[in-house]
Amino acid sequence: MREPLIIREWAQCMRHLWLLAIALVLLAAGCSQARTTIAGTWKIDMASLNQRVSNGLKASNPDLFTKWQRDLESERFEFKADGTFQVTHPDAAESYKAGSLSGKWKLDGNEIKIKTDDLGTSVAQQLTVNPDKTRIRLKNILIGPDFTVDLIRA
């Protein structure tokens, strides 16, 4: 009976991760030049995944960790020059694909702000673009204060 709760928690964590990534992209879209620079498809740099978080999940539920890792590797964050975004999971399990997000993004300094149709503006996600616009740091406060991952060009 504990497995469904873990799966629900995992799905909610993944949704929050997407929101954080979207917020990073919005940070980079403040002006048209920055919007053009950030526009494109991004993926999670699995090497940047915080080891404390991933090791904790791996130790507590190895099967769920393997599924989570596979789903993270398949996620794609598409930031369009028109200020819209979409997060997709092309290789994820069908139940996980249902958590795909779309909405609008905007760059404010080096922070990306996102707004989704169903969730409004996310304050639990922090998306920060590095100075040379090659990485977006996604921090998901809802998953935990230590949860961070970088997005790189796909």
N, C-alpha and C. Protein backbone atom coordinates (compact mmCIF):
# COMPACT_ATOMS: atom_id res chain seq x y z
N MET A 1 0.81 -1.20 0.00
CA MET A 1 0.00 0.00 0.00
C MET A 1 0.85 1.27 0.00
N ARG A 2 2.11 1.17 0.36
CA ARG A 2 2.99 2.34 0.41
C ARG A 2 3.45 2.76 -0.99
N GLU A 3 3.49 1.85 -1.94
CA GLU A 3 3.98 2.14 -3.28
C GLU A 3 3.19 3.24 -3.99
N PRO A 4 1.83 3.22 -3.97
CA PRO A 4 1.10 4.29 -4.65
C PRO A 4 1.43 5.67 -4.11
N LEU A 5 1.65 5.82 -2.81
CA LEU A 5 1.99 7.10 -2.23
C LEU A 5 3.34 7.56 -2.75
N ILE A 6 4.30 6.67 -2.85
CA ILE A 6 5.63 7.01 -3.36
C ILE A 6 5.52 7.45 -4.82
N ILE A 7 4.72 6.76 -5.58
CA ILE A 7 4.56 7.11 -7.00
C ILE A 7 3.90 8.47 -7.13
N ARG A 8 2.90 8.75 -6.31
CA ARG A 8 2.25 10.07 -6.35
C ARG A 8 3.23 11.16 -5.96
N GLU A 9 4.02 10.91 -4.91
CA GLU A 9 5.02 11.89 -4.49
C GLU A 9 6.04 12.11 -5.60
N TRP A 10 6.46 11.04 -6.24
CA TRP A 10 7.43 11.14 -7.33
C TRP A 10 6.85 11.97 -8.49
N ALA A 11 5.61 11.71 -8.85
CA ALA A 11 4.98 12.44 -9.95
C ALA A 11 4.87 13.92 -9.61
N GLN A 12 4.53 14.23 -8.35
CA GLN A 12 4.43 15.63 -7.94
C GLN A 12 5.81 16.29 -7.96
N CYS A 13 6.84 15.57 -7.54
CA CYS A 13 8.20 16.10 -7.58
C CYS A 13 8.61 16.39 -9.02
N MET A 14 8.26 15.52 -9.94
CA MET A 14 8.62 15.72 -11.34
C MET A 14 7.91 16.95 -11.90
N ARG A 15 6.66 17.15 -11.53
CA ARG A 15 5.93 18.33 -11.99
C ARG A 15 6.60 19.59 -11.47
N HIS A 16 7.05 19.57 -10.23
CA HIS A 16 7.72 20.73 -9.66
C HIS A 16 9.07 20.96 -10.32
N LEU A 17 9.76 19.87 -10.67
CA LEU A 17 11.03 20.01 -11.38
C LEU A 17 10.81 20.72 -12.70
N TRP A 18 9.77 20.37 -13.39
CA TRP A 18 9.47 21.00 -14.68
C TRP A 18 9.20 22.48 -14.48
N LEU A 19 8.45 22.82 -13.46
CA LEU A 19 8.15 24.22 -13.20
C LEU A 19 9.42 25.00 -12.93
N LEU A 20 10.34 24.40 -12.21
CA LEU A 20 11.59 25.07 -11.92
C LEU A 20 12.38 25.31 -13.20
N ALA A 21 12.44 24.33 -14.05
CA ALA A 21 13.15 24.48 -15.31
C ALA A 21 12.51 25.57 -16.16
N ILE A 22 11.24 25.61 -16.15
CA ILE A 22 10.52 26.62 -16.92
C ILE A 22 10.82 28.00 -16.36
N ALA A 23 10.88 28.11 -15.05
CA ALA A 23 11.20 29.39 -14.43
C ALA A 23 12.58 29.86 -14.85
N LEU A 24 13.55 28.95 -14.98
CA LEU A 24 14.89 29.31 -15.44
C LEU A 24 14.86 29.87 -16.85
N VAL A 25 14.11 29.26 -17.67
CA VAL A 25 14.01 29.73 -19.05
C VAL A 25 13.38 31.10 -19.10
N LEU A 26 12.38 31.32 -18.29
CA LEU A 26 11.73 32.61 -18.27
C LEU A 26 12.69 33.70 -17.81
N LEU A 27 13.59 33.35 -16.94
CA LEU A 27 14.59 34.28 -16.47
C LEU A 27 15.44 34.78 -17.63
N ALA A 28 15.70 33.93 -18.57
CA ALA A 28 16.56 34.27 -19.70
C ALA A 28 15.81 35.01 -20.81
N ALA A 29 14.53 35.21 -20.67
CA ALA A 29 13.76 35.79 -21.77
C ALA A 29 13.36 37.24 -21.54
N GLY A 30 14.07 37.97 -20.73
CA GLY A 30 13.72 39.35 -20.39
C GLY A 30 13.73 40.28 -21.57
N CYS A 31 14.67 40.17 -22.44
CA CYS A 31 14.71 41.00 -23.63
C CYS A 31 14.72 40.11 -24.86
N SER A 32 14.52 40.70 -26.04
CA SER A 32 14.43 39.87 -27.25
C SER A 32 15.73 39.15 -27.54
N GLN A 33 16.88 39.78 -27.27
CA GLN A 33 18.16 39.11 -27.52
C GLN A 33 18.31 37.92 -26.57
N ALA A 34 18.02 38.13 -25.30
CA ALA A 34 18.10 37.04 -24.33
C ALA A 34 17.09 35.95 -24.68
N ARG A 35 15.93 36.35 -25.13
CA ARG A 35 14.90 35.37 -25.49
C ARG A 35 15.40 34.51 -26.64
N THR A 36 16.04 35.12 -27.62
CA THR A 36 16.58 34.37 -28.74
C THR A 36 17.70 33.45 -28.28
N THR A 37 18.52 33.92 -27.35
CA THR A 37 19.65 33.14 -26.85
C THR A 37 19.18 31.91 -26.07
N ILE A 38 18.13 32.04 -25.32
CA ILE A 38 17.62 30.95 -24.49
C ILE A 38 16.70 30.03 -25.29
N ALA A 39 16.09 30.57 -26.33
CA ALA A 39 15.14 29.78 -27.12
C ALA A 39 15.81 28.51 -27.65
N GLY A 40 15.05 27.43 -27.61
CA GLY A 40 15.54 26.15 -28.10
C GLY A 40 15.15 25.04 -27.15
N THR A 41 15.70 23.88 -27.39
CA THR A 41 15.38 22.70 -26.60
C THR A 41 16.52 22.40 -25.63
N TRP A 42 16.16 22.17 -24.38
CA TRP A 42 17.11 21.91 -23.30
C TRP A 42 16.80 20.56 -22.68
N LYS A 43 17.80 19.95 -22.08
CA LYS A 43 17.62 18.68 -21.38
C LYS A 43 18.36 18.75 -20.04
N ILE A 44 18.06 17.81 -19.18
CA ILE A 44 18.70 17.76 -17.87
C ILE A 44 20.10 17.17 -18.01
N ASP A 45 21.07 17.86 -17.43
CA ASP A 45 22.44 17.34 -17.34
C ASP A 45 22.47 16.43 -16.13
N MET A 46 22.37 15.12 -16.37
CA MET A 46 22.26 14.16 -15.26
C MET A 46 23.47 14.20 -14.34
N ALA A 47 24.62 14.62 -14.84
CA ALA A 47 25.81 14.72 -14.00
C ALA A 47 25.67 15.84 -12.97
N SER A 48 24.77 16.78 -13.22
CA SER A 48 24.60 17.90 -12.29
C SER A 48 23.56 17.62 -11.20
N LEU A 49 22.86 16.50 -11.30
CA LEU A 49 21.83 16.16 -10.31
C LEU A 49 22.47 16.04 -8.94
N ASN A 50 21.89 16.72 -7.98
CA ASN A 50 22.43 16.71 -6.62
C ASN A 50 22.50 15.29 -6.09
N GLN A 51 23.70 14.85 -5.77
CA GLN A 51 23.92 13.46 -5.34
C GLN A 51 23.23 13.14 -4.01
N ARG A 52 23.12 14.09 -3.13
CA ARG A 52 22.46 13.84 -1.85
C ARG A 52 21.00 13.43 -2.06
N VAL A 53 20.34 14.13 -2.96
CA VAL A 53 18.93 13.82 -3.25
C VAL A 53 18.81 12.48 -3.96
N SER A 54 19.60 12.29 -5.02
CA SER A 54 19.48 11.05 -5.80
C SER A 54 19.93 9.84 -4.99
N ASN A 55 20.97 9.96 -4.19
CA ASN A 55 21.41 8.84 -3.37
C ASN A 55 20.36 8.46 -2.32
N GLY A 56 19.66 9.46 -1.79
CA GLY A 56 18.61 9.18 -0.82
C GLY A 56 17.48 8.37 -1.42
N LEU A 57 17.05 8.77 -2.62
CA LEU A 57 15.98 8.02 -3.30
C LEU A 57 16.46 6.64 -3.71
N LYS A 58 17.69 6.56 -4.19
CA LYS A 58 18.23 5.27 -4.62
C LYS A 58 18.29 4.30 -3.45
N ALA A 59 18.68 4.78 -2.29
CA ALA A 59 18.78 3.92 -1.11
C ALA A 59 17.40 3.50 -0.61
N SER A 60 16.43 4.40 -0.67
CA SER A 60 15.11 4.08 -0.12
C SER A 60 14.25 3.25 -1.07
N ASN A 61 14.42 3.42 -2.39
CA ASN A 61 13.59 2.69 -3.35
C ASN A 61 14.33 2.58 -4.68
N PRO A 62 15.20 1.57 -4.83
CA PRO A 62 16.01 1.44 -6.05
C PRO A 62 15.19 1.35 -7.34
N ASP A 63 14.05 0.66 -7.31
CA ASP A 63 13.23 0.54 -8.52
C ASP A 63 12.65 1.89 -8.94
N LEU A 64 12.14 2.63 -7.98
CA LEU A 64 11.60 3.95 -8.26
C LEU A 64 12.71 4.88 -8.74
N PHE A 65 13.90 4.77 -8.15
CA PHE A 65 15.03 5.59 -8.57
C PHE A 65 15.36 5.34 -10.04
N THR A 66 15.39 4.08 -10.46
CA THR A 66 15.71 3.74 -11.85
C THR A 66 14.68 4.35 -12.79
N LYS A 67 13.40 4.26 -12.45
CA LYS A 67 12.34 4.84 -13.27
C LYS A 67 12.47 6.37 -13.31
N TRP A 68 12.70 6.98 -12.18
CA TRP A 68 12.84 8.43 -12.07
C TRP A 68 14.02 8.91 -12.92
N GLN A 69 15.13 8.21 -12.85
CA GLN A 69 16.31 8.58 -13.61
C GLN A 69 16.03 8.50 -15.12
N ARG A 70 15.37 7.43 -15.55
CA ARG A 70 15.02 7.27 -16.96
C ARG A 70 14.10 8.40 -17.43
N ASP A 71 13.13 8.74 -16.59
CA ASP A 71 12.20 9.80 -16.94
C ASP A 71 12.89 11.16 -17.02
N LEU A 72 13.79 11.42 -16.09
CA LEU A 72 14.54 12.69 -16.11
C LEU A 72 15.38 12.79 -17.38
N GLU A 73 16.01 11.70 -17.77
CA GLU A 73 16.85 11.71 -18.96
C GLU A 73 16.05 11.99 -20.23
N SER A 74 14.78 11.64 -20.24
CA SER A 74 13.97 11.85 -21.44
C SER A 74 13.28 13.22 -21.48
N GLU A 75 13.28 13.96 -20.39
CA GLU A 75 12.61 15.25 -20.35
C GLU A 75 13.25 16.24 -21.31
N ARG A 76 12.42 17.01 -21.96
CA ARG A 76 12.88 18.09 -22.84
C ARG A 76 12.12 19.36 -22.49
N PHE A 77 12.86 20.43 -22.37
CA PHE A 77 12.32 21.74 -22.04
C PHE A 77 12.49 22.61 -23.28
N GLU A 78 11.39 22.95 -23.93
CA GLU A 78 11.47 23.77 -25.14
C GLU A 78 10.99 25.18 -24.82
N PHE A 79 11.92 26.13 -24.97
CA PHE A 79 11.62 27.53 -24.77
C PHE A 79 11.60 28.19 -26.15
N LYS A 80 10.44 28.71 -26.51
CA LYS A 80 10.28 29.30 -27.84
C LYS A 80 10.52 30.80 -27.79
N ALA A 81 11.01 31.35 -28.90
CA ALA A 81 11.32 32.77 -28.98
C ALA A 81 10.08 33.65 -28.78
N ASP A 82 8.89 33.07 -28.97
CA ASP A 82 7.66 33.86 -28.77
C ASP A 82 7.24 33.95 -27.30
N GLY A 83 8.08 33.38 -26.40
CA GLY A 83 7.79 33.47 -24.97
C GLY A 83 6.95 32.33 -24.43
N THR A 84 6.73 31.29 -25.20
CA THR A 84 6.00 30.12 -24.71
C THR A 84 6.99 28.99 -24.46
N PHE A 85 6.58 28.04 -23.65
CA PHE A 85 7.42 26.88 -23.35
C PHE A 85 6.57 25.63 -23.29
N GLN A 86 7.26 24.51 -23.42
CA GLN A 86 6.61 23.22 -23.25
C GLN A 86 7.65 22.24 -22.69
N VAL A 87 7.24 21.48 -21.71
CA VAL A 87 8.08 20.43 -21.15
C VAL A 87 7.44 19.10 -21.54
N THR A 88 8.24 18.23 -22.16
CA THR A 88 7.72 16.95 -22.61
C THR A 88 8.60 15.82 -22.11
N HIS A 89 8.05 14.63 -22.13
CA HIS A 89 8.74 13.41 -21.70
C HIS A 89 8.57 12.35 -22.79
N PRO A 90 9.32 12.43 -23.87
CA PRO A 90 9.07 11.51 -24.98
C PRO A 90 9.26 10.03 -24.66
N ASP A 91 10.16 9.69 -23.76
CA ASP A 91 10.43 8.28 -23.47
C ASP A 91 9.89 7.84 -22.12
N ALA A 92 9.15 8.70 -21.46
CA ALA A 92 8.67 8.39 -20.11
C ALA A 92 7.47 7.46 -20.15
N ALA A 93 7.19 6.88 -18.99
CA ALA A 93 6.00 6.04 -18.85
C ALA A 93 4.77 6.89 -19.13
N GLU A 94 3.72 6.26 -19.60
CA GLU A 94 2.50 6.97 -19.98
C GLU A 94 1.94 7.83 -18.85
N SER A 95 1.99 7.34 -17.62
CA SER A 95 1.46 8.11 -16.48
C SER A 95 2.28 9.36 -16.23
N TYR A 96 3.55 9.31 -16.55
CA TYR A 96 4.42 10.46 -16.35
C TYR A 96 4.22 11.50 -17.45
N LYS A 97 3.94 11.05 -18.67
CA LYS A 97 3.71 11.97 -19.78
C LYS A 97 2.53 12.88 -19.49
N ALA A 98 1.59 12.41 -18.71
CA ALA A 98 0.41 13.20 -18.38
C ALA A 98 0.79 14.45 -17.60
N GLY A 99 1.98 14.48 -17.01
CA GLY A 99 2.42 15.63 -16.24
C GLY A 99 3.11 16.70 -17.06
N SER A 100 3.08 16.60 -18.39
CA SER A 100 3.72 17.59 -19.24
C SER A 100 3.12 18.97 -18.97
N LEU A 101 3.97 19.99 -19.11
CA LEU A 101 3.54 21.35 -18.82
C LEU A 101 3.75 22.24 -20.03
N SER A 102 2.96 23.30 -20.09
CA SER A 102 3.17 24.33 -21.10
C SER A 102 2.70 25.65 -20.51
N GLY A 103 3.16 26.73 -21.10
CA GLY A 103 2.77 28.04 -20.62
C GLY A 103 3.66 29.11 -21.23
N LYS A 104 3.91 30.17 -20.45
CA LYS A 104 4.70 31.30 -20.92
C LYS A 104 5.92 31.49 -20.01
N TRP A 105 6.98 32.03 -20.61
CA TRP A 105 8.18 32.31 -19.85
C TRP A 105 8.66 33.73 -20.13
N LYS A 106 9.42 34.27 -19.17
CA LYS A 106 9.93 35.63 -19.29
C LYS A 106 11.24 35.72 -18.52
N LEU A 107 12.21 36.41 -19.07
CA LEU A 107 13.49 36.60 -18.42
C LEU A 107 13.47 37.90 -17.62
N ASP A 108 13.87 37.80 -16.35
CA ASP A 108 13.94 38.95 -15.46
C ASP A 108 15.34 38.95 -14.86
N GLY A 109 16.25 39.72 -15.44
CA GLY A 109 17.65 39.67 -15.01
C GLY A 109 18.24 38.34 -15.45
N ASN A 110 18.69 37.55 -14.49
CA ASN A 110 19.20 36.22 -14.84
C ASN A 110 18.24 35.13 -14.35
N GLU A 111 17.04 35.52 -14.00
CA GLU A 111 16.03 34.56 -13.55
C GLU A 111 14.94 34.40 -14.60
N ILE A 112 14.52 33.16 -14.76
CA ILE A 112 13.43 32.87 -15.68
C ILE A 112 12.15 32.71 -14.87
N LYS A 113 11.13 33.44 -15.25
CA LYS A 113 9.83 33.33 -14.58
C LYS A 113 8.89 32.60 -15.52
N ILE A 114 8.16 31.67 -14.97
CA ILE A 114 7.24 30.87 -15.78
C ILE A 114 5.82 31.03 -15.29
N LYS A 115 4.90 30.86 -16.20
CA LYS A 115 3.48 30.87 -15.86
C LYS A 115 2.82 29.77 -16.68
N THR A 116 2.10 28.90 -16.00
CA THR A 116 1.39 27.83 -16.68
C THR A 116 -0.11 28.09 -16.61
N ASP A 117 -0.83 27.53 -17.54
CA ASP A 117 -2.28 27.72 -17.56
C ASP A 117 -2.95 27.13 -16.32
N ASP A 118 -2.44 26.00 -15.85
CA ASP A 118 -3.11 25.32 -14.74
C ASP A 118 -2.52 25.64 -13.37
N LEU A 119 -1.29 26.12 -13.31
CA LEU A 119 -0.64 26.32 -12.02
C LEU A 119 -0.34 27.76 -11.67
N GLY A 120 -0.54 28.70 -12.58
CA GLY A 120 -0.21 30.08 -12.32
C GLY A 120 1.30 30.27 -12.24
N THR A 121 1.74 31.34 -11.62
CA THR A 121 3.18 31.60 -11.51
C THR A 121 3.77 30.74 -10.42
N SER A 122 4.90 30.13 -10.71
CA SER A 122 5.54 29.25 -9.74
C SER A 122 6.54 30.02 -8.89
N VAL A 123 6.37 29.97 -7.58
CA VAL A 123 7.34 30.59 -6.68
C VAL A 123 8.19 29.52 -6.01
N ALA A 124 7.86 28.27 -6.21
CA ALA A 124 8.61 27.18 -5.60
C ALA A 124 9.77 26.73 -6.48
N GLN A 125 9.87 27.27 -7.67
CA GLN A 125 10.93 26.91 -8.60
C GLN A 125 11.86 28.10 -8.75
N GLN A 126 13.12 27.84 -8.88
CA GLN A 126 14.07 28.89 -9.19
C GLN A 126 14.84 28.46 -10.42
N LEU A 127 14.77 29.26 -11.46
CA LEU A 127 15.48 29.00 -12.71
C LEU A 127 16.44 30.16 -12.93
N THR A 128 17.72 29.84 -13.00
CA THR A 128 18.74 30.88 -13.15
C THR A 128 19.64 30.55 -14.33
N VAL A 129 19.84 31.53 -15.19
CA VAL A 129 20.68 31.34 -16.37
C VAL A 129 22.10 31.79 -16.04
N ASN A 130 23.08 30.99 -16.45
CA ASN A 130 24.47 31.39 -16.21
C ASN A 130 24.84 32.52 -17.17
N PRO A 131 25.90 33.28 -16.88
CA PRO A 131 26.25 34.46 -17.70
C PRO A 131 26.44 34.19 -19.18
N ASP A 132 27.01 33.05 -19.55
CA ASP A 132 27.22 32.79 -20.98
C ASP A 132 26.04 32.07 -21.64
N LYS A 133 24.94 31.92 -20.91
CA LYS A 133 23.68 31.35 -21.42
C LYS A 133 23.82 29.91 -21.92
N THR A 134 24.75 29.15 -21.34
CA THR A 134 24.94 27.76 -21.75
C THR A 134 24.30 26.77 -20.78
N ARG A 135 23.91 27.24 -19.60
CA ARG A 135 23.30 26.38 -18.59
C ARG A 135 22.18 27.14 -17.89
N ILE A 136 21.19 26.38 -17.50
CA ILE A 136 20.10 26.92 -16.69
C ILE A 136 20.05 26.08 -15.42
N ARG A 137 20.21 26.70 -14.26
CA ARG A 137 20.16 25.98 -12.98
C ARG A 137 18.72 25.96 -12.49
N LEU A 138 18.24 24.75 -12.26
CA LEU A 138 16.89 24.55 -11.79
C LEU A 138 16.95 24.10 -10.33
N LYS A 139 16.30 24.85 -9.47
CA LYS A 139 16.23 24.50 -8.05
C LYS A 139 14.75 24.36 -7.71
N ASN A 140 14.39 23.20 -7.18
CA ASN A 140 13.01 22.92 -6.84
C ASN A 140 12.87 22.88 -5.33
N ILE A 141 12.33 23.94 -4.78
CA ILE A 141 12.18 24.06 -3.33
C ILE A 141 11.16 23.07 -2.78
N LEU A 142 10.15 22.72 -3.59
CA LEU A 142 9.12 21.80 -3.12
C LEU A 142 9.66 20.38 -2.95
N ILE A 143 10.61 19.98 -3.80
CA ILE A 143 11.22 18.67 -3.64
C ILE A 143 12.12 18.67 -2.42
N GLY A 144 12.83 19.75 -2.23
CA GLY A 144 13.70 19.89 -1.07
C GLY A 144 14.72 20.98 -1.31
N PRO A 145 15.26 21.56 -0.24
CA PRO A 145 16.20 22.67 -0.39
C PRO A 145 17.48 22.30 -1.11
N ASP A 146 17.80 21.02 -1.16
CA ASP A 146 19.03 20.58 -1.81
C ASP A 146 18.82 20.12 -3.25
N PHE A 147 17.59 20.17 -3.74
CA PHE A 147 17.34 19.64 -5.08
C PHE A 147 17.69 20.68 -6.14
N THR A 148 18.79 20.42 -6.86
CA THR A 148 19.19 21.28 -7.97
C THR A 148 19.64 20.40 -9.13
N VAL A 149 19.47 20.93 -10.32
CA VAL A 149 19.91 20.24 -11.53
C VAL A 149 20.13 21.31 -12.60
N ASP A 150 21.05 21.07 -13.51
CA ASP A 150 21.30 22.00 -14.60
C ASP A 150 20.65 21.50 -15.88
N LEU A 151 20.20 22.46 -16.70
CA LEU A 151 19.71 22.16 -18.04
C LEU A 151 20.80 22.59 -19.01
N ILE A 152 20.99 21.77 -20.04
CA ILE A 152 21.93 22.08 -21.11
C ILE A 152 21.21 21.92 -22.44
N ARG A 153 21.79 22.43 -23.50
CA ARG A 153 21.17 22.30 -24.83
C ARG A 153 21.04 20.82 -25.21
N ALA A 154 19.88 20.49 -25.76
CA ALA A 154 19.64 19.11 -26.18
C ALA A 154 20.29 18.83 -27.51
